[in-house]
């Protein structure tokens, strides 16, 4: 997937999430108005659901935004974590990969299963190779 396709997909998902937030806001407003004239329990449940959905959406937006930049441009402490710590994160990730996936202890069983000498011998035994 190229960068342009990723941008389009991100834009689509942002629009979808914003649309759901707007839908919940509209439902919240309608149910708030309905509760003044009708005291049905189901209206209260729908109102509470839409309110919880809006709070959850705002919390998710803030959490994701706070990882990559300052929300609303405000330099709130402990935000923009990725940008501020990317070198440290990269070093830690590199160390983790080397110590957990690229150590002789973890690689040796896979190398022993390869049986490279048998593969090379079989390849050299093929007629096309011998004519070369």
Protein backbone atom coordinates (compact mmCIF):
# COMPACT_ATOMS: atom_id res chain seq x y z
CA UNK A 1 0.00 0.00 0.00
CA UNK A 2 1.53 3.32 -1.04
CA UNK A 3 1.42 6.58 0.90
CA UNK A 4 -1.41 8.08 -1.14
CA UNK A 5 -3.64 5.03 -0.54
CA UNK A 6 -2.82 5.16 3.17
CA UNK A 7 -3.77 8.87 3.31
CA UNK A 8 -7.08 8.16 1.58
CA UNK A 9 -7.83 5.28 3.92
CA UNK A 10 -6.97 7.40 6.98
CA UNK A 11 -9.20 10.21 5.70
CA UNK A 12 -12.04 7.72 5.18
CA UNK A 13 -11.72 6.32 8.69
CA UNK A 14 -11.52 9.79 10.23
CA UNK A 15 -14.68 10.81 8.39
CA UNK A 16 -16.42 7.61 9.54
CA UNK A 17 -15.43 8.17 13.19
CA UNK A 18 -16.47 11.83 13.04
CA UNK A 19 -19.77 10.82 11.47
CA UNK A 20 -20.47 8.36 14.27
CA UNK A 21 -19.64 11.04 16.83
CA UNK A 22 -22.04 13.49 15.15
CA UNK A 23 -24.72 10.78 15.00
CA UNK A 24 -24.35 10.15 18.74
CA UNK A 25 -24.54 13.89 19.42
CA UNK A 26 -27.75 14.15 17.39
CA UNK A 27 -29.25 11.14 19.20
CA UNK A 28 -28.24 12.68 22.53
CA UNK A 29 -29.92 16.00 21.69
CA UNK A 30 -33.10 14.32 20.40
CA UNK A 31 -33.41 12.04 23.44
CA UNK A 32 -32.77 14.96 25.80
CA UNK A 33 -35.63 16.85 24.17
CA UNK A 34 -37.87 13.75 24.19
CA UNK A 35 -37.25 13.18 27.91
CA UNK A 36 -38.87 16.53 28.69
CA UNK A 37 -42.18 15.45 27.16
CA UNK A 38 -42.03 11.65 27.56
CA UNK A 39 -40.70 9.84 30.61
CA UNK A 40 -40.17 6.40 28.99
CA UNK A 41 -37.30 4.35 30.34
CA UNK A 42 -35.98 3.37 26.91
CA UNK A 43 -35.37 7.00 26.02
CA UNK A 44 -33.14 7.36 29.08
CA UNK A 45 -31.20 4.26 28.10
CA UNK A 46 -30.67 5.49 24.54
CA UNK A 47 -29.62 8.90 25.88
CA UNK A 48 -27.13 7.30 28.29
CA UNK A 49 -25.76 5.12 25.49
CA UNK A 50 -25.21 8.08 23.18
CA UNK A 51 -23.63 10.09 25.98
CA UNK A 52 -21.24 7.25 26.82
CA UNK A 53 -20.38 6.85 23.13
CA UNK A 54 -19.50 10.55 22.86
CA UNK A 55 -17.36 10.46 26.00
CA UNK A 56 -15.59 7.31 24.75
CA UNK A 57 -14.99 8.85 21.33
CA UNK A 58 -13.50 11.99 22.85
CA UNK A 59 -11.31 9.94 25.20
CA UNK A 60 -10.05 7.80 22.31
CA UNK A 61 -9.38 10.87 20.18
CA UNK A 62 -7.44 12.53 23.00
CA UNK A 63 -5.41 9.38 23.74
CA UNK A 64 -4.38 8.81 20.14
CA UNK A 65 -3.71 12.49 19.49
CA UNK A 66 -1.68 12.79 22.69
CA UNK A 67 0.66 10.02 21.51
CA UNK A 68 1.64 11.78 18.29
CA UNK A 69 1.23 15.51 18.94
CA UNK A 70 -0.12 18.10 21.37
CA UNK A 71 -3.95 17.97 21.44
CA UNK A 72 -5.46 21.27 20.28
CA UNK A 73 -1.90 22.62 20.02
CA UNK A 74 -1.61 22.89 23.81
CA UNK A 75 1.74 21.73 25.26
CA UNK A 76 0.14 19.50 27.90
CA UNK A 77 2.73 17.46 29.84
CA UNK A 78 3.04 13.80 28.81
CA UNK A 79 1.69 14.42 25.30
CA UNK A 80 3.49 14.18 21.95
CA UNK A 81 5.21 11.11 23.36
CA UNK A 82 6.19 9.52 20.06
CA UNK A 83 7.92 12.63 18.73
CA UNK A 84 9.66 13.39 22.05
CA UNK A 85 10.84 9.82 22.63
CA UNK A 86 11.27 8.33 19.16
CA UNK A 87 15.03 7.78 19.48
CA UNK A 88 14.64 6.09 22.87
CA UNK A 89 11.70 4.01 21.57
CA UNK A 90 13.74 2.94 18.53
CA UNK A 91 16.70 1.93 20.67
CA UNK A 92 14.47 -0.05 23.03
CA UNK A 93 12.67 -1.78 20.16
CA UNK A 94 15.98 -2.63 18.49
CA UNK A 95 17.37 -4.06 21.73
CA UNK A 96 14.20 -6.09 22.26
CA UNK A 97 14.33 -7.59 18.76
CA UNK A 98 18.04 -8.42 19.04
CA UNK A 99 17.76 -10.00 22.48
CA UNK A 100 14.48 -11.87 21.91
CA UNK A 101 14.52 -12.80 18.23
CA UNK A 102 18.07 -12.57 16.91
CA UNK A 103 20.04 -14.29 19.65
CA UNK A 104 21.94 -17.52 18.86
CA UNK A 105 19.71 -19.38 21.31
CA UNK A 106 16.54 -18.51 19.36
CA UNK A 107 17.96 -18.72 15.83
CA UNK A 108 19.97 -21.97 16.15
CA UNK A 109 16.94 -24.37 16.06
CA UNK A 110 15.69 -22.80 12.82
CA UNK A 111 19.10 -22.94 11.18
CA UNK A 112 19.52 -26.59 12.16
CA UNK A 113 16.13 -27.42 10.59
CA UNK A 114 17.15 -25.87 7.25
CA UNK A 115 19.56 -28.68 6.27
CA UNK A 116 21.40 -26.43 3.85
CA UNK A 117 23.96 -29.05 2.81
CA UNK A 118 21.20 -31.41 1.64
CA UNK A 119 19.51 -28.64 -0.32
CA UNK A 120 22.77 -27.56 -2.01
CA UNK A 121 23.68 -31.17 -2.80
CA UNK A 122 20.28 -31.81 -4.36
CA UNK A 123 20.48 -28.57 -6.34
CA UNK A 124 23.97 -29.42 -7.65
CA UNK A 125 22.76 -32.89 -8.63
CA UNK A 126 20.15 -31.52 -11.02
CA UNK A 127 20.96 -32.04 -14.70
CA UNK A 128 20.54 -28.37 -15.70
CA UNK A 129 23.15 -27.32 -13.18
CA UNK A 130 25.67 -29.95 -14.29
CA UNK A 131 25.43 -28.78 -17.92
CA UNK A 132 26.20 -25.25 -16.82
